[in-house]
Amino acid sequence: MAVNPVAPGTGVLRAQAPASVKDAASPASFAEILQEKLAEVDALQKRADALLEGFLSGQVDDVHEVMLAAQQAELALQLTVEIRNRVLEAYQEIARMQL
């Protein structure tokens, strides 16, 4: 592992990863992560709906699995709404800042 020297008088110390590490594991953008997580929440909702329809039509006998899927979908949606609320609050707080 290479150690980067600290130049006197720079004022700010920065940890720098080697170039090979930056290229190999580039982080996903916020939009990509958001789309991925919203797709996961949507998949949970669709799975819960499919299990409920199967239960009502008699194809699924395990009520425990149906209720568990419904609770997972509900919790995922509640978390998504709470995250959205926090992001909006942060945006509104930034918008109220005086420059």
Protein backbone atom coordinates (compact mmCIF):
# COMPACT_ATOMS: atom_id res chain seq x y z
CA MET A 1 0.00 0.00 0.00
CA ALA A 2 1.39 3.36 -0.98
CA VAL A 3 1.41 6.11 1.60
CA ASN A 4 0.94 9.63 0.29
CA PRO A 5 3.16 12.20 2.00
CA VAL A 6 1.59 15.18 3.72
CA ALA A 7 3.00 18.42 2.42
CA PRO A 8 3.52 21.04 5.12
CA GLY A 9 1.28 24.06 4.89
CA THR A 10 -1.54 22.42 2.93
CA GLY A 11 -3.99 22.89 5.79
CA VAL A 12 -6.26 20.01 4.78
CA LEU A 13 -5.32 16.35 4.96
CA ARG A 14 -6.96 14.22 2.31
CA ALA A 15 -6.93 10.47 2.05
CA GLN A 16 -6.48 9.46 -1.55
CA ALA A 17 -7.23 6.02 -2.86
CA PRO A 18 -4.97 4.62 -5.54
CA ALA A 19 -6.22 5.18 -9.09
CA SER A 20 -6.80 1.46 -9.61
CA VAL A 21 -9.26 1.36 -6.70
CA LYS A 22 -11.21 4.36 -7.97
CA ASP A 23 -11.56 2.88 -11.47
CA ALA A 24 -12.49 -0.63 -10.32
CA ALA A 25 -15.26 0.31 -7.89
CA SER A 26 -16.89 3.48 -9.14
CA PRO A 27 -19.88 4.26 -6.93
CA ALA A 28 -23.35 4.28 -8.41
CA SER A 29 -25.07 7.62 -8.73
CA PHE A 30 -27.82 8.66 -6.32
CA ALA A 31 -30.41 8.33 -9.08
CA GLU A 32 -29.33 4.76 -9.85
CA ILE A 33 -29.49 3.75 -6.20
CA LEU A 34 -32.88 5.42 -5.80
CA GLN A 35 -34.29 3.65 -8.86
CA GLU A 36 -32.96 0.30 -7.65
CA LYS A 37 -34.48 0.66 -4.19
CA LEU A 38 -37.83 1.88 -5.55
CA ALA A 39 -37.88 -1.15 -7.85
CA GLU A 40 -37.30 -3.39 -4.82
CA VAL A 41 -40.22 -1.76 -2.97
CA ASP A 42 -42.39 -2.19 -6.06
CA ALA A 43 -41.41 -5.86 -6.30
CA LEU A 44 -42.37 -6.39 -2.65
CA GLN A 45 -45.76 -4.77 -3.28
CA LYS A 46 -46.37 -6.90 -6.37
CA ARG A 47 -45.35 -10.09 -4.55
CA ALA A 48 -47.71 -9.30 -1.68
CA ASP A 49 -50.54 -8.60 -4.13
CA ALA A 50 -49.89 -11.84 -6.03
CA LEU A 51 -49.84 -13.88 -2.83
CA LEU A 52 -53.05 -12.26 -1.62
CA GLU A 53 -54.79 -12.97 -4.92
CA GLY A 54 -53.52 -16.55 -4.78
CA PHE A 55 -54.79 -16.92 -1.22
CA LEU A 56 -58.21 -15.53 -2.12
CA SER A 57 -58.47 -17.83 -5.13
CA GLY A 58 -57.39 -20.86 -3.09
CA GLN A 59 -54.06 -21.42 -4.83
CA VAL A 60 -51.99 -20.44 -1.75
CA ASP A 61 -52.78 -22.18 1.53
CA ASP A 62 -50.14 -20.60 3.78
CA VAL A 63 -51.74 -17.55 5.39
CA HIS A 64 -48.50 -16.93 7.28
CA GLU A 65 -46.59 -16.36 4.03
CA VAL A 66 -49.29 -14.01 2.75
CA MET A 67 -49.31 -11.93 5.92
CA LEU A 68 -45.52 -11.84 6.08
CA ALA A 69 -45.28 -10.59 2.50
CA ALA A 70 -47.95 -7.96 3.19
CA GLN A 71 -46.09 -6.72 6.28
CA GLN A 72 -42.77 -6.58 4.41
CA ALA A 73 -44.39 -4.55 1.64
CA GLU A 74 -46.06 -2.23 4.14
CA LEU A 75 -42.82 -1.62 6.06
CA ALA A 76 -40.88 -1.00 2.86
CA LEU A 77 -43.47 1.54 1.72
CA GLN A 78 -43.48 3.28 5.12
CA LEU A 79 -39.69 3.52 5.03
CA THR A 80 -39.80 4.91 1.49
CA VAL A 81 -42.33 7.56 2.47
CA GLU A 82 -40.29 8.51 5.55
CA ILE A 83 -37.11 8.86 3.49
CA ARG A 84 -38.98 11.01 0.98
CA ASN A 85 -40.26 13.22 3.81
CA ARG A 86 -36.75 13.64 5.23
CA VAL A 87 -35.31 14.52 1.83
CA LEU A 88 -38.05 17.10 1.27
CA GLU A 89 -37.45 18.58 4.72
CA ALA A 90 -33.73 18.86 3.99
CA TYR A 91 -34.43 20.51 0.63
CA GLN A 92 -36.84 22.99 2.22
CA GLU A 93 -34.29 23.79 4.93
CA ILE A 94 -31.64 24.46 2.28
CA ALA A 95 -34.11 26.60 0.31
CA ARG A 96 -34.77 28.72 3.42
CA MET A 97 -31.09 29.44 3.97
CA GLN A 98 -30.07 33.03 3.43
CA LEU A 99 -26.95 33.63 1.43
